[in-house]
Amino acid sequence: MELKDLEKMTVVKLREEAHKFDVKDALGMGKEQLIELLCQKLGIHRPERKAVGIDKGALKSRIRALKSKRVKALEGRDGKALADLRMRMKRYKRMIKSHIVTA
């Protein structure tokens, strides 16, 4: 059995696998805990995952720079550049919001 197989299994099947190793607290565990436990019991190496954050200040400074470019695009009546700038600002704002939600 490999890590991929464990990740595809449902919680019920993971609990059944845990009961084969006489684990009594398997009913109260979630899927991630069960996978971790079974990896230890089966000797499967599980690579650690690291959370990568974003630099909120850098994104905000990019948004400010895009706002100044937006003003110039408005004055020059450049529709394509304006649409591109608005889309990029929106993308940066979403990155900030998604980071705040997950934090």
PDB file of N, CA and C in Angstrom:
ATOM      1  N   MET A   1       0.851  -1.175   0.000  1.00  0.00           N
ATOM      2  CA  MET A   1       0.000   0.000   0.000  1.00  0.00           C
ATOM      3  C   MET A   1       0.897   1.239   0.000  1.00  0.00           C
ATOM      4  N   GLU A   2       0.495   2.248  -0.756  1.00  0.00           N
ATOM      5  CA  GLU A   2       1.276   3.463  -0.874  1.00  0.00           C
ATOM      6  C   GLU A   2       0.485   4.638  -0.338  1.00  0.00           C
ATOM      7  N   LEU A   3       1.152   5.778  -0.268  1.00  0.00           N
ATOM      8  CA  LEU A   3       0.519   6.994   0.232  1.00  0.00           C
ATOM      9  C   LEU A   3      -0.651   7.410  -0.646  1.00  0.00           C
ATOM     10  N   LYS A   4      -0.517   7.248  -1.959  1.00  0.00           N
ATOM     11  CA  LYS A   4      -1.601   7.607  -2.878  1.00  0.00           C
ATOM     12  C   LYS A   4      -2.851   6.787  -2.585  1.00  0.00           C
ATOM     13  N   ASP A   5      -2.650   5.513  -2.287  1.00  0.00           N
ATOM     14  CA  ASP A   5      -3.779   4.643  -1.981  1.00  0.00           C
ATOM     15  C   ASP A   5      -4.484   5.099  -0.705  1.00  0.00           C
ATOM     16  N   LEU A   6      -3.708   5.477   0.291  1.00  0.00           N
ATOM     17  CA  LEU A   6      -4.296   5.932   1.549  1.00  0.00           C
ATOM     18  C   LEU A   6      -5.079   7.224   1.356  1.00  0.00           C
ATOM     19  N   GLU A   7      -4.564   8.140   0.549  1.00  0.00           N
ATOM     20  CA  GLU A   7      -5.237   9.416   0.340  1.00  0.00           C
ATOM     21  C   GLU A   7      -6.535   9.258  -0.436  1.00  0.00           C
ATOM     22  N   LYS A   8      -6.626   8.232  -1.268  1.00  0.00           N
ATOM     23  CA  LYS A   8      -7.847   7.995  -2.041  1.00  0.00           C
ATOM     24  C   LYS A   8      -8.933   7.312  -1.223  1.00  0.00           C
ATOM     25  N   MET A   9      -8.554   6.641  -0.134  1.00  0.00           N
ATOM     26  CA  MET A   9      -9.507   5.886   0.672  1.00  0.00           C
ATOM     27  C   MET A   9     -10.430   6.813   1.458  1.00  0.00           C
ATOM     28  N   THR A  10     -11.631   6.314   1.738  1.00  0.00           N
ATOM     29  CA  THR A  10     -12.565   7.065   2.567  1.00  0.00           C
ATOM     30  C   THR A  10     -12.190   6.897   4.030  1.00  0.00           C
ATOM     31  N   VAL A  11     -12.795   7.709   4.873  1.00  0.00           N
ATOM     32  CA  VAL A  11     -12.498   7.658   6.300  1.00  0.00           C
ATOM     33  C   VAL A  11     -12.902   6.303   6.886  1.00  0.00           C
ATOM     34  N   VAL A  12     -14.006   5.753   6.411  1.00  0.00           N
ATOM     35  CA  VAL A  12     -14.481   4.461   6.916  1.00  0.00           C
ATOM     36  C   VAL A  12     -13.454   3.364   6.618  1.00  0.00           C
ATOM     37  N   LYS A  13     -12.928   3.347   5.392  1.00  0.00           N
ATOM     38  CA  LYS A  13     -11.940   2.338   5.035  1.00  0.00           C
ATOM     39  C   LYS A  13     -10.628   2.548   5.771  1.00  0.00           C
ATOM     40  N   LEU A  14     -10.274   3.805   5.995  1.00  0.00           N
ATOM     41  CA  LEU A  14      -9.061   4.087   6.770  1.00  0.00           C
ATOM     42  C   LEU A  14      -9.209   3.587   8.200  1.00  0.00           C
ATOM     43  N   ARG A  15     -10.400   3.744   8.762  1.00  0.00           N
ATOM     44  CA  ARG A  15     -10.642   3.248  10.126  1.00  0.00           C
ATOM     45  C   ARG A  15     -10.544   1.723  10.167  1.00  0.00           C
ATOM     46  N   GLU A  16     -11.053   1.065   9.130  1.00  0.00           N
ATOM     47  CA  GLU A  16     -10.953  -0.392   9.074  1.00  0.00           C
ATOM     48  C   GLU A  16      -9.488  -0.832   9.022  1.00  0.00           C
ATOM     49  N   GLU A  17      -8.689  -0.114   8.246  1.00  0.00           N
ATOM     50  CA  GLU A  17      -7.254  -0.417   8.181  1.00  0.00           C
ATOM     51  C   GLU A  17      -6.592  -0.191   9.535  1.00  0.00           C
ATOM     52  N   ALA A  18      -7.001   0.858  10.230  1.00  0.00           N
ATOM     53  CA  ALA A  18      -6.423   1.156  11.545  1.00  0.00           C
ATOM     54  C   ALA A  18      -6.792   0.078  12.561  1.00  0.00           C
ATOM     55  N   HIS A  19      -7.999  -0.466  12.442  1.00  0.00           N
ATOM     56  CA  HIS A  19      -8.417  -1.525  13.366  1.00  0.00           C
ATOM     57  C   HIS A  19      -7.595  -2.794  13.175  1.00  0.00           C
ATOM     58  N   LYS A  20      -7.019  -2.989  11.997  1.00  0.00           N
ATOM     59  CA  LYS A  20      -6.143  -4.135  11.779  1.00  0.00           C
ATOM     60  C   LYS A  20      -4.894  -4.046  12.645  1.00  0.00           C
ATOM     61  N   PHE A  21      -4.519  -2.830  13.025  1.00  0.00           N
ATOM     62  CA  PHE A  21      -3.348  -2.610  13.877  1.00  0.00           C
ATOM     63  C   PHE A  21      -3.748  -2.407  15.342  1.00  0.00           C
ATOM     64  N   ASP A  22      -4.977  -2.742  15.698  1.00  0.00           N
ATOM     65  CA  ASP A  22      -5.501  -2.632  17.062  1.00  0.00           C
ATOM     66  C   ASP A  22      -5.416  -1.211  17.611  1.00  0.00           C
ATOM     67  N   VAL A  23      -5.783  -0.228  16.794  1.00  0.00           N
ATOM     68  CA  VAL A  23      -5.844   1.167  17.233  1.00  0.00           C
ATOM     69  C   VAL A  23      -7.253   1.404  17.753  1.00  0.00           C
ATOM     70  N   LYS A  24      -7.356   1.792  19.030  1.00  0.00           N
ATOM     71  CA  LYS A  24      -8.671   1.922  19.659  1.00  0.00           C
ATOM     72  C   LYS A  24      -9.304   3.295  19.435  1.00  0.00           C
ATOM     73  N   ASP A  25      -8.514   4.330  19.227  1.00  0.00           N
ATOM     74  CA  ASP A  25      -9.052   5.683  19.089  1.00  0.00           C
ATOM     75  C   ASP A  25      -9.328   6.064  17.643  1.00  0.00           C
ATOM     76  N   ALA A  26      -9.436   5.104  16.767  1.00  0.00           N
ATOM     77  CA  ALA A  26      -9.613   5.390  15.343  1.00  0.00           C
ATOM     78  C   ALA A  26     -10.965   6.039  15.050  1.00  0.00           C
ATOM     79  N   LEU A  27     -11.963   5.766  15.868  1.00  0.00           N
ATOM     80  CA  LEU A  27     -13.285   6.341  15.616  1.00  0.00           C
ATOM     81  C   LEU A  27     -13.302   7.858  15.806  1.00  0.00           C
ATOM     82  N   GLY A  28     -12.466   8.385  16.649  1.00  0.00           N
ATOM     83  CA  GLY A  28     -12.452   9.823  16.904  1.00  0.00           C
ATOM     84  C   GLY A  28     -11.493  10.599  16.024  1.00  0.00           C
ATOM     85  N   MET A  29     -10.793   9.907  15.147  1.00  0.00           N
ATOM     86  CA  MET A  29      -9.794  10.570  14.315  1.00  0.00           C
ATOM     87  C   MET A  29     -10.378  11.021  12.981  1.00  0.00           C
ATOM     88  N   GLY A  30      -9.794  12.083  12.448  1.00  0.00           N
ATOM     89  CA  GLY A  30     -10.151  12.552  11.120  1.00  0.00           C
ATOM     90  C   GLY A  30      -9.285  11.876  10.074  1.00  0.00           C
ATOM     91  N   LYS A  31      -9.536  12.210   8.826  1.00  0.00           N
ATOM     92  CA  LYS A  31      -8.845  11.551   7.723  1.00  0.00           C
ATOM     93  C   LYS A  31      -7.340  11.799   7.768  1.00  0.00           C
ATOM     94  N   GLU A  32      -6.938  13.045   7.990  1.00  0.00           N
ATOM     95  CA  GLU A  32      -5.509  13.361   8.020  1.00  0.00           C
ATOM     96  C   GLU A  32      -4.798  12.626   9.153  1.00  0.00           C
ATOM     97  N   GLN A  33      -5.443  12.557  10.320  1.00  0.00           N
ATOM     98  CA  GLN A  33      -4.849  11.856  11.453  1.00  0.00           C
ATOM     99  C   GLN A  33      -4.727  10.360  11.159  1.00  0.00           C
ATOM    100  N   LEU A  34      -5.752   9.805  10.526  1.00  0.00           N
ATOM    101  CA  LEU A  34      -5.708   8.376  10.190  1.00  0.00           C
ATOM    102  C   LEU A  34      -4.615   8.081   9.175  1.00  0.00           C
ATOM    103  N   ILE A  35      -4.471   8.952   8.184  1.00  0.00           N
ATOM    104  CA  ILE A  35      -3.413   8.748   7.187  1.00  0.00           C
ATOM    105  C   ILE A  35      -2.048   8.818   7.852  1.00  0.00           C
ATOM    106  N   GLU A  36      -1.879   9.785   8.747  1.00  0.00           N
ATOM    107  CA  GLU A  36      -0.608   9.926   9.464  1.00  0.00           C
ATOM    108  C   GLU A  36      -0.301   8.669  10.287  1.00  0.00           C
ATOM    109  N   LEU A  37      -1.301   8.181  10.995  1.00  0.00           N
ATOM    110  CA  LEU A  37      -1.136   6.984  11.823  1.00  0.00           C
ATOM    111  C   LEU A  37      -0.781   5.767  10.981  1.00  0.00           C
ATOM    112  N   LEU A  38      -1.512   5.577   9.881  1.00  0.00           N
ATOM    113  CA  LEU A  38      -1.255   4.419   9.028  1.00  0.00           C
ATOM    114  C   LEU A  38       0.100   4.511   8.343  1.00  0.00           C
ATOM    115  N   CYS A  39       0.541   5.717   8.017  1.00  0.00           N
ATOM    116  CA  CYS A  39       1.880   5.875   7.438  1.00  0.00           C
ATOM    117  C   CYS A  39       2.946   5.425   8.436  1.00  0.00           C
ATOM    118  N   GLN A  40       2.741   5.763   9.703  1.00  0.00           N
ATOM    119  CA  GLN A  40       3.683   5.332  10.737  1.00  0.00           C
ATOM    120  C   GLN A  40       3.653   3.820  10.892  1.00  0.00           C
ATOM    121  N   LYS A  41       2.463   3.237  10.925  1.00  0.00           N
ATOM    122  CA  LYS A  41       2.331   1.789  11.132  1.00  0.00           C
ATOM    123  C   LYS A  41       2.869   0.992   9.943  1.00  0.00           C
ATOM    124  N   LEU A  42       2.644   1.494   8.733  1.00  0.00           N
ATOM    125  CA  LEU A  42       3.070   0.768   7.538  1.00  0.00           C
ATOM    126  C   LEU A  42       4.483   1.118   7.101  1.00  0.00           C
ATOM    127  N   GLY A  43       5.083   2.125   7.737  1.00  0.00           N
ATOM    128  CA  GLY A  43       6.441   2.517   7.385  1.00  0.00           C
ATOM    129  C   GLY A  43       6.531   3.298   6.085  1.00  0.00           C
ATOM    130  N   ILE A  44       5.479   4.025   5.770  1.00  0.00           N
ATOM    131  CA  ILE A  44       5.457   4.825   4.538  1.00  0.00           C
ATOM    132  C   ILE A  44       6.011   6.207   4.845  1.00  0.00           C
ATOM    133  N   HIS A  45       6.964   6.649   4.011  1.00  0.00           N
ATOM    134  CA  HIS A  45       7.531   7.988   4.192  1.00  0.00           C
ATOM    135  C   HIS A  45       6.547   9.014   3.647  1.00  0.00           C
ATOM    136  N   ARG A  46       6.222   9.987   4.480  1.00  0.00           N
ATOM    137  CA  ARG A  46       5.295  11.049   4.077  1.00  0.00           C
ATOM    138  C   ARG A  46       6.049  12.372   4.096  1.00  0.00           C
ATOM    139  N   PRO A  47       6.234  13.001   2.932  1.00  0.00           N
ATOM    140  CA  PRO A  47       6.966  14.264   2.903  1.00  0.00           C
ATOM    141  C   PRO A  47       6.186  15.361   3.632  1.00  0.00           C
ATOM    142  N   GLU A  48       6.916  16.220   4.320  1.00  0.00           N
ATOM    143  CA  GLU A  48       6.274  17.300   5.057  1.00  0.00           C
ATOM    144  C   GLU A  48       5.878  18.406   4.105  1.00  0.00           C
ATOM    145  N   ARG A  49       4.743  18.998   4.373  1.00  0.00           N
ATOM    146  CA  ARG A  49       4.260  20.101   3.553  1.00  0.00           C
ATOM    147  C   ARG A  49       4.449  21.396   4.325  1.00  0.00           C
ATOM    148  N   LYS A  50       4.957  22.384   3.624  1.00  0.00           N
ATOM    149  CA  LYS A  50       5.202  23.672   4.262  1.00  0.00           C
ATOM    150  C   LYS A  50       4.239  24.706   3.708  1.00  0.00           C
ATOM    151  N   ALA A  51       3.697  25.484   4.592  1.00  0.00           N
ATOM    152  CA  ALA A  51       2.810  26.558   4.174  1.00  0.00           C
ATOM    153  C   ALA A  51       3.645  27.732   3.697  1.00  0.00           C
ATOM    154  N   VAL A  52       3.318  28.220   2.519  1.00  0.00           N
ATOM    155  CA  VAL A  52       4.054  29.338   1.951  1.00  0.00           C
ATOM    156  C   VAL A  52       3.144  30.550   1.990  1.00  0.00           C
ATOM    157  N   GLY A  53       3.579  31.592   2.659  1.00  0.00           N
ATOM    158  CA  GLY A  53       2.782  32.794   2.778  1.00  0.00           C
ATOM    159  C   GLY A  53       3.069  33.764   1.642  1.00  0.00           C
ATOM    160  N   ILE A  54       2.356  34.846   1.661  1.00  0.00           N
ATOM    161  CA  ILE A  54       2.564  35.887   0.662  1.00  0.00           C
ATOM    162  C   ILE A  54       3.011  37.147   1.363  1.00  0.00           C
ATOM    163  N   ASP A  55       3.630  38.031   0.617  1.00  0.00           N
ATOM    164  CA  ASP A  55       4.077  39.302   1.163  1.00  0.00           C
ATOM    165  C   ASP A  55       2.994  40.338   0.890  1.00  0.00           C
ATOM    166  N   LYS A  56       2.176  40.593   1.904  1.00  0.00           N
ATOM    167  CA  LYS A  56       1.027  41.481   1.754  1.00  0.00           C
ATOM    168  C   LYS A  56       1.460  42.900   1.399  1.00  0.00           C
ATOM    169  N   GLY A  57       2.519  43.366   2.009  1.00  0.00           N
ATOM    170  CA  GLY A  57       3.002  44.721   1.736  1.00  0.00           C
ATOM    171  C   GLY A  57       3.450  44.898   0.298  1.00  0.00           C
ATOM    172  N   ALA A  58       4.117  43.886  -0.231  1.00  0.00           N
ATOM    173  CA  ALA A  58       4.578  43.962  -1.618  1.00  0.00           C
ATOM    174  C   ALA A  58       3.400  43.979  -2.582  1.00  0.00           C
ATOM    175  N   LEU A  59       2.375  43.182  -2.280  1.00  0.00           N
ATOM    176  CA  LEU A  59       1.197  43.179  -3.142  1.00  0.00           C
ATOM    177  C   LEU A  59       0.477  44.520  -3.104  1.00  0.00           C
ATOM    178  N   LYS A  60       0.396  45.105  -1.917  1.00  0.00           N
ATOM    179  CA  LYS A  60      -0.264  46.404  -1.807  1.00  0.00           C
ATOM    180  C   LYS A  60       0.513  47.489  -2.548  1.00  0.00           C
ATOM    181  N   SER A  61       1.830  47.427  -2.511  1.00  0.00           N
ATOM    182  CA  SER A  61       2.616  48.419  -3.247  1.00  0.00           C
ATOM    183  C   SER A  61       2.437  48.225  -4.756  1.00  0.00           C
ATOM    184  N   ARG A  62       2.288  46.968  -5.206  1.00  0.00           N
ATOM    185  CA  ARG A  62       2.015  46.717  -6.619  1.00  0.00           C
ATOM    186  C   ARG A  62       0.660  47.294  -7.013  1.00  0.00           C
ATOM    187  N   ILE A  63      -0.329  47.136  -6.133  1.00  0.00           N
ATOM    188  CA  ILE A  63      -1.664  47.672  -6.417  1.00  0.00           C
ATOM    189  C   ILE A  63      -1.613  49.194  -6.525  1.00  0.00           C
ATOM    190  N   ARG A  64      -0.867  49.838  -5.619  1.00  0.00           N
ATOM    191  CA  ARG A  64      -0.742  51.298  -5.686  1.00  0.00           C
ATOM    192  C   ARG A  64      -0.083  51.741  -6.991  1.00  0.00           C
ATOM    193  N   ALA A  65       0.930  51.007  -7.432  1.00  0.00           N
ATOM    194  CA  ALA A  65       1.597  51.340  -8.697  1.00  0.00           C
ATOM    195  C   ALA A  65       0.633  51.165  -9.870  1.00  0.00           C
ATOM    196  N   LEU A  66      -0.173  50.113  -9.815  1.00  0.00           N
ATOM    197  CA  LEU A  66      -1.144  49.890 -10.886  1.00  0.00           C
ATOM    198  C   LEU A  66      -2.227  50.962 -10.895  1.00  0.00           C
ATOM    199  N   LYS A  67      -2.583  51.475  -9.707  1.00  0.00           N
ATOM    200  CA  LYS A  67      -3.588  52.547  -9.641  1.00  0.00           C
ATOM    201  C   LYS A  67      -3.085  53.804 -10.325  1.00  0.00           C
ATOM    202  N   SER A  68      -1.807  54.121 -10.156  1.00  0.00           N
ATOM    203  CA  SER A  68      -1.269  55.316 -10.821  1.00  0.00           C
ATOM    204  C   SER A  68      -1.236  55.106 -12.344  1.00  0.00           C
ATOM    205  N   LYS A  69      -0.936  53.882 -12.772  1.00  0.00           N
ATOM    206  CA  LYS A  69      -0.969  53.587 -14.201  1.00  0.00           C
ATOM    207  C   LYS A  69      -2.401  53.636 -14.733  1.00  0.00           C
ATOM    208  N   ARG A  70      -3.353  53.257 -13.885  1.00  0.00           N
ATOM    209  CA  ARG A  70      -4.759  53.276 -14.278  1.00  0.00           C
ATOM    210  C   ARG A  70      -5.225  54.692 -14.563  1.00  0.00           C
ATOM    211  N   VAL A  71      -4.775  55.634 -13.731  1.00  0.00           N
ATOM    212  CA  VAL A  71      -5.137  57.040 -13.939  1.00  0.00           C
ATOM    213  C   VAL A  71      -4.622  57.516 -15.291  1.00  0.00           C
ATOM    214  N   LYS A  72      -3.397  57.151 -15.618  1.00  0.00           N
ATOM    215  CA  LYS A  72      -2.817  57.543 -16.905  1.00  0.00           C
ATOM    216  C   LYS A  72      -3.588  56.907 -18.065  1.00  0.00           C
ATOM    217  N   ALA A  73      -4.019  55.651 -17.889  1.00  0.00           N
ATOM    218  CA  ALA A  73      -4.780  54.974 -18.942  1.00  0.00           C
ATOM    219  C   ALA A  73      -6.148  55.625 -19.115  1.00  0.00           C
ATOM    220  N   LEU A  74      -6.745  56.085 -18.020  1.00  0.00           N
ATOM    221  CA  LEU A  74      -8.025  56.784 -18.111  1.00  0.00           C
ATOM    222  C   LEU A  74      -7.878  58.094 -18.871  1.00  0.00           C
ATOM    223  N   GLU A  75      -6.815  58.821 -18.558  1.00  0.00           N
ATOM    224  CA  GLU A  75      -6.584  60.097 -19.228  1.00  0.00           C
ATOM    225  C   GLU A  75      -6.300  59.885 -20.715  1.00  0.00           C
ATOM    226  N   GLY A  76      -5.571  58.849 -21.048  1.00  0.00           N
ATOM    227  CA  GLY A  76      -5.234  58.565 -22.438  1.00  0.00           C
ATOM    228  C   GLY A  76      -6.323  57.793 -23.169  1.00  0.00           C
ATOM    229  N   ARG A  77      -7.376  57.410 -22.471  1.00  0.00           N
ATOM    230  CA  ARG A  77      -8.509  56.655 -23.028  1.00  0.00           C
ATOM    231  C   ARG A  77      -8.050  55.362 -23.726  1.00  0.00           C
ATOM    232  N   ASP A  78      -7.161  54.664 -23.024  1.00  0.00           N
ATOM    233  CA  ASP A  78      -6.641  53.395 -23.534  1.00  0.00           C
ATOM    234  C   ASP A  78      -7.431  52.259 -22.884  1.00  0.00           C
ATOM    235  N   GLY A  79      -8.407  51.747 -23.606  1.00  0.00           N
ATOM    236  CA  GLY A  79      -9.314  50.736 -23.062  1.00  0.00           C
ATOM    237  C   GLY A  79      -8.644  49.404 -22.766  1.00  0.00           C
ATOM    238  N   LYS A  80      -7.768  48.973 -23.662  1.00  0.00           N
ATOM    239  CA  LYS A  80      -7.104  47.674 -23.456  1.00  0.00           C
ATOM    240  C   LYS A  80      -6.208  47.711 -22.224  1.00  0.00           C
ATOM    241  N   ALA A  81      -5.422  48.772 -22.110  1.00  0.00           N
ATOM    242  CA  ALA A  81      -4.523  48.886 -20.961  1.00  0.00           C
ATOM    243  C   ALA A  81      -5.326  49.003 -19.670  1.00  0.00           C
ATOM    244  N   LEU A  82      -6.437  49.722 -19.725  1.00  0.00           N
ATOM    245  CA  LEU A  82      -7.291  49.901 -18.552  1.00  0.00           C
ATOM    246  C   LEU A  82      -7.857  48.556 -18.086  1.00  0.00           C
ATOM    247  N   ALA A  83      -8.342  47.763 -19.031  1.00  0.00           N
ATOM    248  CA  ALA A  83      -8.897  46.452 -18.679  1.00  0.00           C
ATOM    249  C   ALA A  83      -7.815  45.551 -18.086  1.00  0.00           C
ATOM    250  N   ASP A  84      -6.629  45.584 -18.666  1.00  0.00           N
ATOM    251  CA  ASP A  84      -5.527  44.768 -18.164  1.00  0.00           C
ATOM    252  C   ASP A  84      -5.133  45.192 -16.745  1.00  0.00           C
ATOM    253  N   LEU A  85      -5.063  46.486 -16.509  1.00  0.00           N
ATOM    254  CA  LEU A  85      -4.680  46.980 -15.184  1.00  0.00           C
ATOM    255  C   LEU A  85      -5.722  46.616 -14.135  1.00  0.00           C
ATOM    256  N   ARG A  86      -6.983  46.760 -14.491  1.00  0.00           N
ATOM    257  CA  ARG A  86      -8.053  46.415 -13.545  1.00  0.00           C
ATOM    258  C   ARG A  86      -8.028  44.926 -13.207  1.00  0.00           C
ATOM    259  N   MET A  87      -7.770  44.098 -14.222  1.00  0.00           N
ATOM    260  CA  MET A  87      -7.711  42.655 -13.989  1.00  0.00           C
ATOM    261  C   MET A  87      -6.544  42.297 -13.067  1.00  0.00           C
ATOM    262  N   ARG A  88      -5.397  42.903 -13.282  1.00  0.00           N
ATOM    263  CA  ARG A  88      -4.234  42.617 -12.441  1.00  0.00           C
ATOM    264  C   ARG A  88      -4.454  43.094 -11.012  1.00  0.00           C
ATOM    265  N   MET A  89      -5.077  44.276 -10.852  1.00  0.00           N
ATOM    266  CA  MET A  89      -5.366  44.765  -9.492  1.00  0.00           C
ATOM    267  C   MET A  89      -6.333  43.825  -8.784  1.00  0.00           C
ATOM    268  N   LYS A  90      -7.331  43.362  -9.505  1.00  0.00           N
ATOM    269  CA  LYS A  90      -8.313  42.444  -8.932  1.00  0.00           C
ATOM    270  C   LYS A  90      -7.646  41.143  -8.486  1.00  0.00           C
ATOM    271  N   ARG A  91      -6.724  40.642  -9.314  1.00  0.00           N
ATOM    272  CA  ARG A  91      -6.009  39.413  -8.990  1.00  0.00           C
ATOM    273  C   ARG A  91      -5.192  39.576  -7.708  1.00  0.00           C
ATOM    274  N   TYR A  92      -4.494  40.708  -7.583  1.00  0.00           N
ATOM    275  CA  TYR A  92      -3.693  40.949  -6.380  1.00  0.00           C
ATOM    276  C   TYR A  92      -4.586  41.074  -5.143  1.00  0.00           C
ATOM    277  N   LYS A  93      -5.714  41.751  -5.291  1.00  0.00           N
ATOM    278  CA  LYS A  93      -6.627  41.893  -4.159  1.00  0.00           C
ATOM    279  C   LYS A  93      -7.171  40.538  -3.724  1.00  0.00           C
ATOM    280  N   ARG A  94      -7.470  39.674  -4.694  1.00  0.00           N
ATOM    281  CA  ARG A  94      -7.952  38.334  -4.356  1.00  0.00           C
ATOM    282  C   ARG A  94      -6.883  37.525  -3.644  1.00  0.00           C
ATOM    283  N   MET A  95      -5.639  37.695  -4.058  1.00  0.00           N
ATOM    284  CA  MET A  95      -4.543  36.989  -3.379  1.00  0.00           C
ATOM    285  C   MET A  95      -4.477  37.398  -1.911  1.00  0.00           C
ATOM    286  N   ILE A  96      -4.623  38.688  -1.663  1.00  0.00           N
ATOM    287  CA  ILE A  96      -4.581  39.184  -0.285  1.00  0.00           C
ATOM    288  C   ILE A  96      -5.749  38.624   0.511  1.00  0.00           C
ATOM    289  N   LYS A  97      -6.950  38.673  -0.068  1.00  0.00           N
ATOM    290  CA  LYS A  97      -8.128  38.187   0.641  1.00  0.00           C
ATOM    291  C   LYS A  97      -8.055  36.693   0.910  1.00  0.00           C
ATOM    292  N   SER A  98      -7.576  35.929  -0.055  1.00  0.00           N
ATOM    293  CA  SER A  98      -7.497  34.478   0.157  1.00  0.00           C
ATOM    294  C   SER A  98      -6.467  34.143   1.225  1.00  0.00           C
ATOM    295  N   HIS A  99      -5.416  34.941   1.307  1.00  0.00           N
ATOM    296  CA  HIS A  99      -4.415  34.704   2.345  1.00  0.00           C
ATOM    297  C   HIS A  99      -4.983  35.009   3.721  1.00  0.00           C
ATOM    298  N   ILE A 100      -5.786  36.047   3.828  1.00  0.00           N
ATOM    299  CA  ILE A 100      -6.370  36.424   5.108  1.00  0.00           C
ATOM    300  C   ILE A 100      -7.356  35.351   5.562  1.00  0.00           C
ATOM    301  N   VAL A 101      -8.121  34.787   4.651  1.00  0.00           N
ATOM    302  CA  VAL A 101      -9.098  33.764   4.996  1.00  0.00           C
ATOM    303  C   VAL A 101      -8.416  32.514   5.526  1.00  0.00           C
ATOM    304  N   THR A 102      -7.323  32.109   4.903  1.00  0.00           N
ATOM    305  CA  THR A 102      -6.661  30.892   5.324  1.00  0.00           C
ATOM    306  C   THR A 102      -5.772  31.087   6.532  1.00  0.00           C
ATOM    307  N   ALA A 103      -5.483  32.308   6.891  1.00  0.00           N
ATOM    308  CA  ALA A 103      -4.569  32.553   8.014  1.00  0.00           C
ATOM    309  C   ALA A 103      -5.221  32.289   9.340  1.00  0.00           C
TER     310      ALA A 103
END
